[in-house]
Structures are given as C-alpha cells and as structure tokens.
Protein backbone atom coordinates (compact mmCIF):
# COMPACT_ATOMS: atom_id res chain seq x y z
CA MET A 1 -51.41 -21.01 27.75
CA LYS A 2 -54.22 -18.76 26.67
CA LYS A 3 -54.28 -18.27 22.94
CA ILE A 4 -54.13 -14.62 21.96
CA VAL A 5 -55.45 -13.50 18.62
CA LEU A 6 -54.12 -10.19 17.35
CA ARG A 7 -56.79 -8.61 15.23
CA SER A 8 -56.33 -6.11 12.40
CA ILE A 9 -58.38 -3.20 11.15
CA ILE A 10 -60.08 -2.69 7.82
CA LEU A 11 -60.57 1.00 7.25
CA LEU A 12 -62.79 2.54 4.64
CA SER A 13 -62.18 5.67 2.58
CA ILE A 14 -64.07 8.93 2.29
CA ALA A 15 -65.48 10.86 -0.70
CA VAL A 16 -65.75 14.50 -1.82
CA LEU A 17 -68.21 17.07 -3.51
CA THR A 18 -70.84 19.91 -3.16
CA ALA A 19 -73.51 22.05 -5.10
CA CYS A 20 -75.59 25.28 -6.23
CA GLY A 21 -79.04 26.94 -7.25
CA ASN A 22 -83.03 27.19 -8.48
CA ASN A 23 -86.08 29.81 -8.32
CA GLN A 24 -89.08 31.53 -6.37
CA LYS A 25 -90.15 34.44 -4.02
CA LYS A 26 -91.86 34.95 -0.68
CA GLU A 27 -92.16 37.39 2.20
CA VAL A 28 -89.51 37.05 4.89
CA LYS A 29 -88.59 38.29 8.33
CA THR A 30 -85.31 40.16 8.25
CA GLU A 31 -84.34 39.80 11.89
CA VAL A 32 -81.68 37.25 12.70
CA SER A 33 -82.63 35.38 15.87
CA SER A 34 -80.12 34.22 18.42
CA THR A 35 -79.33 31.31 20.69
CA ALA A 36 -76.21 30.96 22.84
CA VAL A 37 -73.17 32.52 21.21
CA SER A 38 -69.70 31.89 22.48
CA SER A 39 -66.21 33.05 21.67
CA THR A 40 -63.46 30.65 22.57
CA SER A 41 -59.74 30.44 21.92
CA ALA A 42 -58.72 27.51 19.74
CA THR A 43 -55.44 26.30 18.22
CA LYS A 44 -52.09 28.00 17.50
CA GLU A 45 -51.50 31.67 18.42
CA SER A 46 -55.22 32.29 19.01
CA THR A 47 -56.06 35.15 21.33
CA LYS A 48 -57.46 34.55 24.82
CA ALA A 49 -61.14 34.93 25.78
CA SER A 50 -64.16 32.78 26.21
CA LYS A 51 -67.35 34.71 26.72
CA GLU A 52 -70.99 34.97 25.78
CA THR A 53 -72.09 37.91 23.68
CA LYS A 54 -75.19 39.24 21.94
CA LYS A 55 -75.67 38.41 18.29
CA SER A 56 -75.73 42.08 17.27
CA GLU A 57 -72.17 42.40 18.60
CA THR A 58 -70.66 39.77 16.32
CA PRO A 59 -68.92 41.03 13.17
CA PHE A 60 -71.06 38.69 11.05
CA ALA A 61 -74.51 39.94 12.15
CA GLU A 62 -75.09 42.42 9.30
CA LEU A 63 -73.81 40.01 6.66
CA ALA A 64 -76.07 37.30 8.10
CA LYS A 65 -79.05 39.64 7.85
CA ALA A 66 -78.19 40.37 4.20
CA ILE A 67 -77.89 36.64 3.45
CA GLN A 68 -81.26 35.96 5.11
CA GLU A 69 -82.91 38.58 2.89
CA ASN A 70 -81.13 37.26 -0.21
CA ILE A 71 -82.21 33.66 0.32
CA GLU A 72 -85.66 34.76 1.60
CA ALA A 73 -85.40 32.64 4.73
CA GLU A 74 -88.28 32.80 7.21
CA LYS A 75 -85.87 32.20 10.06
CA MET A 76 -82.08 32.32 10.49
CA SER A 77 -80.85 31.47 13.99
CA SER A 78 -77.30 31.94 15.17
CA ILE A 79 -76.07 28.83 16.97
CA TYR A 80 -72.45 29.67 17.72
CA ALA A 81 -69.89 32.39 17.02
CA ASN A 82 -66.13 32.48 17.54
CA THR A 83 -64.43 35.85 17.10
CA ASP A 84 -60.96 34.74 18.17
CA GLU A 85 -58.31 34.96 15.46
CA GLN A 86 -56.37 31.78 14.68
CA ASN A 87 -52.98 32.07 12.98
CA PHE A 88 -51.18 29.50 10.85
CA GLY A 89 -48.21 29.55 8.49
CA THR A 90 -44.77 31.05 9.15
CA ASP A 91 -43.39 34.36 10.43
CA GLU A 92 -43.38 35.85 6.91
CA TYR A 93 -46.47 34.13 5.52
CA LYS A 94 -49.66 34.09 7.56
CA VAL A 95 -52.92 32.23 6.94
CA ARG A 96 -55.69 33.28 9.33
CA ILE A 97 -59.19 32.31 10.35
CA LYS A 98 -60.28 35.67 11.73
CA GLY A 99 -63.59 34.36 13.06
CA TYR A 100 -66.71 32.47 12.06
CA GLU A 101 -70.39 32.03 12.89
CA TYR A 102 -72.72 29.06 12.45
CA TYR A 103 -76.46 29.49 11.71
CA GLU A 104 -79.46 27.28 11.11
CA VAL A 105 -81.98 28.44 8.48
CA GLU A 106 -85.59 27.49 7.78
CA ASP A 107 -88.02 27.92 4.86
CA PHE A 108 -85.93 29.64 2.19
CA SER A 109 -86.22 30.36 -1.55
CA ARG A 110 -86.29 27.59 -4.14
CA ASN A 111 -83.39 29.41 -5.79
CA LEU A 112 -81.24 27.87 -3.05
CA SER A 113 -82.71 24.37 -3.04
CA ILE A 114 -79.77 22.60 -4.72
CA PRO A 115 -76.91 23.58 -2.36
CA PHE A 116 -79.17 22.63 0.56
CA GLY A 117 -79.85 19.14 -0.80
CA ASP A 118 -82.67 19.87 -3.26
CA GLN A 119 -85.07 21.08 -0.55
CA THR A 120 -86.04 24.41 1.04
CA LYS A 121 -87.20 23.43 4.51
CA ASN A 122 -84.01 23.66 6.58
CA GLY A 123 -80.22 23.74 6.51
CA GLY A 124 -77.16 25.35 7.99
CA ILE A 125 -74.85 28.22 7.02
CA VAL A 126 -71.31 28.93 8.14
CA ILE A 127 -69.82 32.39 7.58
CA LEU A 128 -66.04 32.47 7.95
CA GLU A 129 -63.60 35.37 7.55
CA ALA A 130 -60.26 34.31 6.06
CA GLU A 131 -57.01 36.18 5.51
CA VAL A 132 -53.62 35.60 3.89
CA GLU A 133 -50.77 38.00 4.62
CA ASN A 134 -47.45 38.08 2.78
CA LYS A 135 -44.74 39.89 4.77
CA SER A 136 -41.94 38.73 2.47
CA ASN A 137 -40.33 40.45 -0.52
CA GLU A 138 -41.71 38.00 -3.10
CA SER A 139 -45.13 36.91 -4.31
CA VAL A 140 -46.77 33.81 -2.87
CA TYR A 141 -49.59 31.73 -4.39
CA THR A 142 -52.48 30.06 -2.57
CA ALA A 143 -54.06 26.69 -3.16
CA SER A 144 -57.87 26.78 -3.07
CA GLY A 145 -58.17 25.79 0.59
CA PHE A 146 -60.73 26.49 3.32
CA ASP A 147 -62.84 23.44 2.50
CA LEU A 148 -65.15 22.42 5.32
CA SER A 149 -65.94 18.86 6.43
CA VAL A 150 -68.38 17.43 8.96
CA VAL A 151 -67.84 14.26 10.98
CA GLY A 152 -70.06 11.45 9.70
CA TYR A 153 -70.94 13.33 6.49
CA ASP A 154 -69.12 12.08 3.41
CA ARG A 155 -68.91 15.28 1.37
CA SER A 156 -66.33 18.02 1.65
CA LEU A 157 -67.95 21.46 1.36
CA THR A 158 -66.49 24.32 -0.64
CA TYR A 159 -67.80 27.89 -0.58
CA THR A 160 -71.37 28.55 -1.77
CA LYS A 161 -71.33 31.80 -3.76
CA SER A 162 -75.10 31.81 -4.39
CA LEU A 163 -75.78 32.74 -0.74
CA ILE A 164 -74.49 36.22 -1.59
CA ASN A 165 -75.59 38.42 -4.52
CA ASP A 166 -73.44 41.03 -6.27
CA ASP A 167 -74.69 43.91 -4.10
CA ILE A 168 -73.80 42.07 -0.92
CA GLU A 169 -70.40 41.10 -2.29
CA GLU A 170 -69.56 44.75 -2.93
CA GLU A 171 -69.80 45.38 0.81
CA TYR A 172 -68.60 41.95 1.97
CA PRO A 173 -65.93 40.72 -0.50
CA LEU A 174 -65.64 36.96 -0.92
CA PHE A 175 -62.18 35.56 -0.26
CA THR A 176 -62.36 33.05 -3.11
CA SER A 177 -63.52 35.66 -5.65
CA ILE A 178 -60.62 37.96 -4.73
CA MET A 179 -58.08 35.16 -5.08
CA LEU A 180 -59.48 34.07 -8.45
CA LYS A 181 -59.27 37.65 -9.78
CA GLN A 182 -55.67 37.84 -8.59
CA LYS A 183 -54.88 34.40 -10.07
CA ARG A 184 -54.20 33.24 -6.50
CA GLU A 185 -51.26 35.63 -6.15
CA VAL A 186 -50.60 37.52 -2.92
CA LYS A 187 -47.93 40.10 -3.69
CA ALA A 188 -45.06 41.10 -1.44
CA GLY A 189 -46.36 43.13 1.51
CA GLU A 190 -50.01 42.43 0.58
CA LYS A 191 -52.83 41.24 2.83
CA VAL A 192 -55.99 39.64 1.36
CA THR A 193 -59.08 39.40 3.57
CA GLY A 194 -62.53 38.13 2.64
CA TYR A 195 -65.54 36.05 3.61
CA ILE A 196 -66.35 32.43 2.82
CA THR A 197 -69.94 31.15 3.05
CA TYR A 198 -70.95 27.50 3.19
CA ALA A 199 -74.41 25.98 2.66
CA ILE A 200 -74.91 22.86 4.80
CA ARG A 201 -77.46 20.16 4.01
CA PRO A 202 -79.89 18.88 6.67
CA GLU A 203 -78.10 15.54 7.09
CA ALA A 204 -74.83 17.39 7.81
CA VAL A 205 -76.68 19.70 10.22
CA GLU A 206 -77.76 16.61 12.19
CA LYS A 207 -74.14 15.46 12.43
CA ILE A 208 -73.10 18.93 13.62
CA LYS A 209 -75.75 18.71 16.36
CA GLU A 210 -74.34 15.31 17.34
CA TYR A 211 -70.62 16.17 17.38
CA GLY A 212 -70.54 19.96 17.81
CA GLU A 213 -67.57 20.59 15.53
CA VAL A 214 -66.44 20.90 11.92
CA THR A 215 -63.01 20.75 10.28
CA ILE A 216 -61.53 23.49 8.10
CA GLU A 217 -58.61 22.75 5.79
CA THR A 218 -56.49 25.90 5.62
CA ALA A 219 -55.14 27.25 2.32
CA GLY A 220 -51.62 26.11 1.45
CA LEU A 221 -49.05 28.64 0.20
CA TYR A 222 -46.63 28.02 -2.68
CA SER A 223 -43.68 29.79 -4.26
CA LYS A 224 -44.82 29.19 -7.87
CA PRO A 225 -48.17 29.80 -9.59
CA ASP A 226 -50.21 26.66 -10.34
CA SER A 227 -47.63 24.42 -8.67
CA TYR A 228 -48.83 22.56 -5.60
CA SER A 229 -45.89 20.20 -5.17
CA LYS A 230 -44.17 19.69 -1.82
CA ALA A 231 -40.97 21.07 -3.33
CA ASP A 232 -42.65 24.45 -3.92
CA ALA A 233 -44.63 24.53 -0.66
CA ILE A 234 -43.97 27.42 1.72
CA TYR A 235 -46.78 26.33 4.02
CA GLU A 236 -48.78 23.14 3.49
CA SER A 237 -52.46 23.18 4.33
CA GLU A 238 -53.56 21.61 7.60
CA LYS A 239 -56.86 20.40 9.00
CA VAL A 240 -58.15 22.44 11.92
CA LYS A 241 -61.02 21.39 14.16
CA ILE A 242 -63.30 24.26 15.17
CA PRO A 243 -66.26 24.05 17.57
CA VAL A 244 -69.73 25.07 16.40
CA SER A 245 -71.48 24.55 19.73
CA THR A 246 -70.62 24.97 23.40
CA GLU A 247 -70.44 21.16 23.69
CA GLY A 248 -68.05 21.13 20.74
CA GLU A 249 -65.72 23.49 22.62
CA GLN A 250 -65.04 20.80 25.19
CA THR A 251 -64.53 18.10 22.54
CA VAL A 252 -62.01 20.21 20.61
CA SER A 253 -60.24 21.21 23.82
CA GLU A 254 -59.95 17.62 25.07
CA SER A 255 -58.63 16.33 21.74
CA GLY A 256 -55.60 18.60 22.17
CA GLU A 257 -54.09 16.37 24.88
CA PHE A 258 -53.83 13.37 22.56
CA TYR A 259 -51.13 12.74 19.99
CA PRO A 260 -52.45 13.43 16.47
CA ASP A 261 -53.81 10.50 14.51
CA LYS A 262 -56.75 9.98 12.17
CA ALA A 263 -58.96 8.75 15.01
CA SER A 264 -58.70 12.28 16.46
CA ALA A 265 -58.43 14.26 13.22
CA ALA A 266 -61.53 12.63 11.72
CA ASN A 267 -63.32 12.48 15.10
CA MET A 268 -63.83 8.73 14.76
CA GLY A 269 -64.86 8.34 18.38
CA VAL A 270 -64.17 9.06 22.03
CA LYS A 271 -60.70 8.74 23.53
CA LYS A 272 -59.82 8.22 27.18
CA MET A 273 -56.19 8.33 28.29
CA ILE A 274 -54.91 5.12 29.86
CA SER A 275 -51.30 6.23 30.26
CA ALA A 276 -48.86 8.70 28.71
CA GLU A 277 -45.08 8.74 28.97
CA LYS A 278 -42.53 11.30 27.83
CA THR A 279 -39.09 9.92 27.10
CA GLU A 280 -35.91 10.77 25.21
CA GLN A 281 -34.62 7.37 24.11
CA THR A 282 -32.22 7.67 21.17
CA VAL A 283 -30.84 5.08 18.76
CA ASP A 284 -28.09 6.07 16.31
CA PHE A 285 -28.29 4.33 12.94
CA GLU A 286 -25.49 5.27 10.52
CA GLY A 287 -25.51 8.85 11.78
CA ILE A 288 -29.31 9.09 11.73
CA LYS A 289 -30.56 9.71 15.26
CA VAL A 290 -33.98 8.17 15.88
CA VAL A 291 -35.58 9.57 19.05
CA LEU A 292 -38.63 8.16 20.82
CA GLU A 293 -40.06 11.29 22.47
CA GLY A 294 -43.12 9.74 24.04
CA TYR A 295 -46.04 7.34 23.73
CA GLN A 296 -49.69 7.13 24.78
CA PHE A 297 -52.03 4.21 25.45
CA VAL A 298 -55.61 5.33 24.80
CA ASP A 299 -58.95 3.61 25.32
CA PHE A 300 -60.84 4.31 22.09
CA GLU A 301 -64.59 3.94 21.57
CA PRO A 302 -65.57 4.34 17.88
CA ASN A 303 -68.67 6.41 17.22
CA GLU A 304 -71.71 5.17 15.31
CA ASP A 305 -70.37 6.41 11.97
CA THR A 306 -67.03 4.60 12.22
CA ALA A 307 -67.92 1.51 14.30
CA ALA A 308 -68.02 -0.73 11.21
CA ARG A 309 -64.35 -0.01 10.52
CA PHE A 310 -63.42 -1.54 13.87
CA LYS A 311 -65.79 -4.52 13.71
CA ASP A 312 -62.95 -7.02 14.28
CA PHE A 313 -62.33 -5.49 17.72
CA GLU A 314 -65.29 -7.11 19.45
CA SER A 315 -64.36 -6.05 22.99
CA GLY A 316 -63.20 -2.52 22.12
CA VAL A 317 -60.01 -0.82 20.95
CA VAL A 318 -56.83 0.36 22.65
CA LEU A 319 -54.58 2.61 20.56
CA LEU A 320 -50.87 3.03 21.17
CA THR A 321 -49.42 6.15 19.53
CA ALA A 322 -45.66 6.73 19.56
CA LYS A 323 -44.00 10.08 18.79
CA VAL A 324 -40.77 9.60 16.81
CA LYS A 325 -38.27 12.30 15.81
CA ILE A 326 -35.57 11.90 13.15
CA LYS A 327 -32.36 13.95 13.37
CA ASN A 328 -30.67 13.27 10.08
CA GLU A 329 -26.90 13.52 10.46
CA GLY A 330 -26.37 10.60 8.09
CA LYS A 331 -25.60 10.42 4.38
CA GLU A 332 -29.08 9.81 2.94
CA LYS A 333 -32.49 11.46 3.03
CA VAL A 334 -34.99 9.69 5.29
CA ARG A 335 -38.63 9.27 4.26
CA LEU A 336 -41.07 9.99 7.08
CA GLU A 337 -44.19 9.57 4.96
CA ASN A 338 -45.25 5.89 5.01
CA MET A 339 -42.68 5.05 7.68
CA SER A 340 -43.72 1.92 9.55
CA GLY A 341 -43.02 0.06 12.76
CA GLY A 342 -43.74 -3.04 14.77
CA LEU A 343 -44.82 -3.57 18.37
CA LYS A 344 -43.49 -6.72 20.05
CA ILE A 345 -45.65 -7.86 22.98
CA GLY A 346 -43.57 -10.07 25.26
CA SER A 347 -43.26 -13.50 23.65
CA LEU A 348 -46.80 -13.37 22.25
CA GLY A 349 -45.99 -11.90 18.87
CA LYS A 350 -45.89 -8.61 17.01
CA VAL A 351 -48.47 -6.05 15.87
CA LEU A 352 -47.72 -3.85 12.85
CA SER A 353 -48.38 -0.11 12.77
CA GLN A 354 -51.63 1.01 11.14
CA GLY A 355 -50.80 3.47 8.35
CA MET A 356 -54.50 4.11 7.76
CA LEU A 357 -54.78 5.49 11.30
CA GLU A 358 -51.77 7.79 10.92
CA GLU A 359 -51.76 11.44 9.86
CA LYS A 360 -49.26 12.54 7.22
CA PRO A 361 -46.15 14.11 8.76
CA GLU A 362 -45.44 17.78 8.05
CA LYS A 363 -42.24 16.72 6.26
CA ALA A 364 -42.42 13.81 3.84
CA LEU A 365 -38.61 13.72 3.60
CA VAL A 366 -35.97 14.65 6.16
CA ASP A 367 -32.96 16.02 4.30
CA ILE A 368 -29.40 15.65 5.54
CA GLY A 369 -28.85 18.10 8.41
CA GLU A 370 -32.60 18.49 9.07
CA GLU A 371 -35.11 17.16 11.61
CA GLY A 372 -38.65 15.85 11.30
CA GLU A 373 -41.22 14.00 13.38
CA THR A 374 -44.00 11.52 12.85
CA TYR A 375 -46.40 9.33 14.84
CA LEU A 376 -46.81 5.56 14.62
CA VAL A 377 -50.19 4.10 15.63
CA PHE A 378 -50.92 0.54 16.75
CA ALA A 379 -54.38 -0.93 17.39
CA LEU A 380 -54.95 -3.58 20.07
CA ASN A 381 -58.01 -5.54 21.10
CA LYS A 382 -59.17 -4.11 24.44
CA GLU A 383 -59.84 -7.44 26.15
CA ASP A 384 -56.42 -8.77 25.11
CA TYR A 385 -54.79 -5.58 26.38
CA ASP A 386 -56.62 -5.53 29.73
CA GLU A 387 -56.19 -9.22 30.52
CA THR A 388 -52.77 -9.99 29.05
CA PHE A 389 -50.89 -7.40 27.02
CA LYS A 390 -50.52 -4.70 29.67
CA LYS A 391 -48.68 -7.17 31.93
CA LYS A 392 -46.10 -7.85 29.22
CA GLU A 393 -43.07 -5.89 28.09
CA PHE A 394 -43.61 -3.80 24.96
CA GLU A 395 -40.82 -3.22 22.47
CA LEU A 396 -41.22 -0.70 19.66
CA GLU A 397 -39.36 -1.29 16.41
CA VAL A 398 -38.91 1.55 13.90
CA LYS A 399 -38.16 0.87 10.23
CA LEU A 400 -36.44 3.57 8.17
CA MET A 401 -36.90 4.14 4.44
CA ASP A 402 -34.85 6.20 2.01
CA GLU A 403 -36.33 8.68 -0.47
CA ARG A 404 -36.89 5.85 -3.00
CA PHE A 405 -39.03 3.94 -0.46
CA ALA A 406 -36.31 1.31 -0.01
CA THR A 407 -35.91 -0.14 3.49
CA MET A 408 -32.71 1.06 5.18
CA THR A 409 -32.88 -1.00 8.38
CA LYS A 410 -32.98 -4.69 9.26
CA LEU A 411 -35.04 -6.38 11.97
CA GLY A 412 -33.85 -5.25 15.39
CA ASP A 413 -31.70 -2.31 14.20
CA ILE A 414 -33.87 0.34 15.92
CA THR A 415 -35.83 -0.74 19.00
CA PHE A 416 -37.14 0.97 22.14
CA LYS A 417 -38.43 -0.48 25.41
CA LEU A 418 -41.79 0.98 26.48
C-alpha cells in the first residue's frame, strides 16, 4: 500500500504601523493627469454600474488637485476610481464607503517624505469618502476603523492628515477629525460624512500594481463610549476588498464565489474551484442542531509573498472549506470562535482543521435560541488529493465547545459524509 503523508501548515503572522512629515518648496503643475478610470459595483447593497468616465467627472478631482498643490507634486495621475456606494451595518446603523480614487504621485515636497517612506520620488495616494449614519433613537460610538492594507505589504495604513492643510480641510472635512471632535459619538438621527486620505509607500505601490486591490477595514459601531467589547458591539468591523485597477475588479469579483477564509481575505494566492456542493445535513446534539450547509474543494496556488507558509506542500495545495450553521435550541451557549473539526479520509487517517486559515465568525458565541455560522478549513497536499484522497470517502467531524472553551462533544458525536 502506498504510504500517504499528511502534511501540516506553518503560518506566519503579520505586523502593523504607518507615518508623517518634513520640509521644502518647488514649482509644480496643478493639473491632475488621468489614466483609465472605472466605476464598478462591489460588495453588499452597492449600486449597479460599471463604466469608464473622465477624471474631471469624479467627485474627488478637485480635492486631488488641492492635494497635489499642497504636496507640491510634479505629477499626480489617477489610476482608478469607484463612485459606487457600498453599505454595511444594520437597518438602523449604516457604515458606508461612498466612493474612492487611487492616484500615483511623483516628485513631491520633502515635507511629505516620511509618510512616503523617507523619499520624495514616488508614491501612491488613496482618497476615500466615508459615512456613518445613525437612524436610531440613541447615540452610537465608532471605533477608529477604515484602516487600509495591501497584499504582500506588512504595514496597515491609517489616514495621513499631512496630505491636507487646514484650508483644504475647511472645504473637504476629514472623517477622522470630525469623529475625534465629537469623541466618536454619532447622535440619534445624525449622519457624519468625511474624507480619508492615505499615503502609500513605493513598495506598497508595487504590490498594488501586482495584485490590483487593497483591503479596507470598516469602522465598528458600539453602544458605549470607549468600549470596544463584543458585548457592546452593534456592528463589528469587517474587512472589505476593493479593486484599485481594472484587473483588480476581476480578482475581487471572482473571490466572491469562494467561501470566506484567510487565503481569500488576505489574498494569499489564486484559487480555482474543483467542486462545490450545497447540502442541508443536520445532526442534533442535545438540542443543538448542527447543519452542514455546503463545502468546496479548491485548488490553491500561493502567491510569491505567501509561498513560504505552504513550503511543506511540495506538490501544491487543495483546500476544503465547510460551511457549518449552529441552531442553538439546547441548554448552553455554543462557542463558534475557535471551533474545530477533523476530516477523516477513508481508512488513511484524519486531517485537523487549520484555525490559522479560518476567518473569525461574525458571532463568537451562539446564545440559546439564536443561530450562527462559521467555516472550517482543511489543507491537503495536492498530489495526495489527486492520486488518492479524491477516490476515498470523506467524513467531516465537528467538535462543539461551550462558552468556557470546554469540549462538549466526544469523538463521533457529530459527523457528516461528504
């Protein structure tokens, strides 16, 4: 019998940070140049339309011109614009990305050298319009939010205030400045709208050219000031991929067909669907209904920036992602966060779920009488899958935990045939 070795993954972590300003003057052109600009619908409640438009027609053109003058840039070229509104949150509490535009800049003032990586030759700028609306009868409080990250670049970017001077801010209010003045409070019936500007270093610009997208983390909303606990969350922040090139549009669009995991969320590589099944298998455990709603086998090719994390998978990677729903009609709360599972492959053995490849569920705990869903991810060696595994019967085992992280189930209590 052929010996099968089930390999595991070692995943690395990611870091955070960003910067600000220095000094000098020069003559500049004040005209913002243009390349292809597109407007495309993205995720959640976004309006329809995908069209090309002139730069002067975008709502960010005048602000971009003011920024170019302020930073004394010789050239500021628009690369991509999206004017479709994207809505997040709940019926009463809305968080919106009203639109954004991505630019590349060249030869700017030394005053701006630090946020652009201690150089003045080139960089990128994103202008984003954000909004929070409170339709309820009580105040709501925002977390900082709207951080920007770039695939393959290990720093999270916050807003760069130095791109805009006080005169510009009078005409184009900054979202973060407004929220700080209001101590992050959005009163009942109030709507707060403002701009966020990001300075992007050359190495991040190169990654944007390669992948064509960035990720925005929306602002979470909370019922109490200065409390960012799950218990006080009205809407928890989420990571949203947005395209910043026409090629990126296709990447973001295609990623929507796959179940969410970190391989997709962090754009770790290219996915190709092998097979996808929708199902409604249910197992009742002490009144807790565990439902397998579907599963996907995906051929996954890590990109250059993440290949080292999958070095043990010499022949490639196949990911199995299973969608699991919990309907809690039992007597205890069920913890979805850190829930685990096993995948039995015929008589060959078992593979454990990879928590480091799984996104956090929207609900950490499913209370009695409530529902919640999560995704379990398993990583398989491609050669083993192609030659042996796919001919075998797969059995998914789900392990339940209570709110104290104690295991509720025994081996074999909750299993599903795939």
